[in-house]
Amino acid sequence: MIKNTVTIIASSLTVILTGCSGKQNFYHGYVYDLDTRKPLKNVTVKECNLKPLTGSTDSTGYFNIENNTQGISDLVFITTTHKQDTARTVWSQHGERIEYSFINKKPDTIYLKKL
């Protein structure tokens, strides 16, 4: 009985520590038009760092770009038909818990305003 309890606790602790320490290796999400709520294709998405990785949205507005940096970077969304926008991917309000966008398991969404 005690051996089984110890095994369950050790397994649970391993899962928790592995899940918390793993770095997300990609950014992903959707880009839509602010007014029409329709997906925007061919929007360039790039990291804000010295050697940014870039990608673009597909016909559903979805993008997925690699994150091979040592840290997490903001994302810039560029298109010729809409205003350029920058999204923060990590923030904390008043020193409380840290929030993430575009780097968690569920893809996030950004809406761009037409020029």
Protein backbone atom coordinates (compact mmCIF):
# COMPACT_ATOMS: atom_id res chain seq x y z
CA MET A 1 0.00 0.00 0.00
CA ILE A 2 2.75 2.48 0.98
CA LYS A 3 4.87 1.42 -2.01
CA ASN A 4 1.95 2.10 -4.41
CA THR A 5 1.34 5.53 -2.82
CA VAL A 6 5.02 6.46 -3.17
CA THR A 7 5.00 5.34 -6.83
CA ILE A 8 1.88 7.41 -7.58
CA ILE A 9 3.33 10.50 -5.88
CA ALA A 10 6.67 10.12 -7.70
CA SER A 11 4.91 9.69 -11.06
CA SER A 12 2.69 12.71 -10.46
CA LEU A 13 5.67 14.85 -9.44
CA THR A 14 7.58 13.83 -12.59
CA VAL A 15 4.64 14.78 -14.80
CA ILE A 16 4.22 18.14 -13.05
CA LEU A 17 7.92 19.05 -13.20
CA THR A 18 8.32 17.94 -16.81
CA GLY A 19 5.24 19.89 -17.90
CA CYS A 20 6.33 23.08 -16.16
CA SER A 21 9.93 23.07 -17.34
CA GLY A 22 9.35 22.30 -21.01
CA LYS A 23 9.90 25.21 -23.39
CA GLN A 24 7.37 25.67 -26.17
CA ASN A 25 9.23 25.30 -29.46
CA PHE A 26 6.77 27.28 -31.57
CA TYR A 27 4.38 30.20 -31.66
CA HIS A 28 0.96 29.65 -33.18
CA GLY A 29 -2.41 31.28 -33.55
CA TYR A 30 -4.87 32.96 -35.89
CA VAL A 31 -5.04 36.38 -37.55
CA TYR A 32 -8.42 37.93 -38.45
CA ASP A 33 -9.75 41.20 -39.85
CA LEU A 34 -11.09 43.35 -37.01
CA ASP A 35 -14.27 44.47 -38.82
CA THR A 36 -15.30 41.41 -40.82
CA ARG A 37 -13.89 38.76 -38.44
CA LYS A 38 -12.67 36.86 -41.52
CA PRO A 39 -9.28 35.12 -41.55
CA LEU A 40 -6.36 36.97 -43.13
CA LYS A 41 -4.00 34.97 -45.33
CA ASN A 42 -0.40 35.82 -46.24
CA VAL A 43 0.19 37.91 -43.11
CA THR A 44 3.88 37.84 -42.23
CA VAL A 45 4.50 36.91 -38.60
CA LYS A 46 7.97 37.39 -37.13
CA GLU A 47 9.71 37.42 -33.79
CA CYS A 48 11.10 40.67 -32.36
CA ASN A 49 14.73 39.73 -31.81
CA LEU A 50 18.10 40.04 -33.54
CA LYS A 51 17.65 37.00 -35.79
CA PRO A 52 13.88 36.71 -36.13
CA LEU A 53 12.20 33.63 -37.48
CA THR A 54 9.27 34.39 -39.76
CA GLY A 55 6.23 32.64 -41.11
CA SER A 56 2.93 33.53 -42.68
CA THR A 57 -0.73 32.76 -42.25
CA ASP A 58 -2.56 30.24 -44.42
CA SER A 59 -6.06 30.57 -45.90
CA THR A 60 -7.64 29.97 -42.47
CA GLY A 61 -5.53 32.73 -40.88
CA TYR A 62 -3.44 30.16 -38.98
CA PHE A 63 0.31 30.53 -38.46
CA ASN A 64 2.95 28.38 -36.80
CA ILE A 65 6.56 29.53 -36.52
CA GLU A 66 9.48 27.96 -34.73
CA ASN A 67 10.84 29.47 -31.52
CA ASN A 68 14.50 28.52 -31.41
CA THR A 69 15.68 31.38 -29.20
CA GLN A 70 16.79 31.14 -25.60
CA GLY A 71 13.84 33.29 -24.58
CA ILE A 72 10.40 34.32 -25.60
CA SER A 73 9.87 37.20 -28.01
CA ASP A 74 7.02 39.50 -28.98
CA LEU A 75 5.45 38.87 -32.39
CA VAL A 76 5.02 41.39 -35.22
CA PHE A 77 2.16 40.97 -37.73
CA ILE A 78 2.77 42.62 -41.13
CA THR A 79 0.52 42.87 -44.19
CA THR A 80 -0.02 45.43 -46.94
CA THR A 81 -3.77 45.70 -46.33
CA HIS A 82 -3.89 46.17 -42.55
CA LYS A 83 -2.07 48.14 -39.87
CA GLN A 84 1.05 46.46 -38.53
CA ASP A 85 0.64 45.25 -34.97
CA THR A 86 2.86 43.79 -32.27
CA ALA A 87 1.63 41.25 -29.73
CA ARG A 88 3.28 40.66 -26.40
CA THR A 89 3.65 36.95 -25.78
CA VAL A 90 4.47 37.19 -22.06
CA TRP A 91 3.31 39.69 -19.46
CA SER A 92 2.59 40.14 -15.79
CA GLN A 93 0.21 42.65 -14.28
CA HIS A 94 1.25 44.16 -10.94
CA GLY A 95 3.74 41.35 -10.34
CA GLU A 96 1.00 38.74 -10.22
CA ARG A 97 1.03 35.51 -12.18
CA ILE A 98 2.62 35.41 -15.62
CA GLU A 99 0.33 35.18 -18.67
CA TYR A 100 1.26 33.87 -22.13
CA SER A 101 -0.13 34.42 -25.64
CA PHE A 102 0.60 32.47 -28.82
CA ILE A 103 2.93 30.08 -26.99
CA ASN A 104 0.57 27.97 -24.96
CA LYS A 105 -1.13 24.79 -26.03
CA LYS A 106 -4.28 26.59 -27.24
CA PRO A 107 -3.67 28.93 -30.20
CA ASP A 108 -4.49 32.59 -29.58
CA THR A 109 -6.05 35.14 -31.96
CA ILE A 110 -5.18 38.68 -33.03
CA TYR A 111 -7.43 41.05 -34.98
CA LEU A 112 -5.86 43.56 -37.39
CA LYS A 113 -7.45 46.88 -38.39
CA LYS A 114 -7.71 47.64 -42.10
CA LEU A 115 -5.65 50.59 -43.44
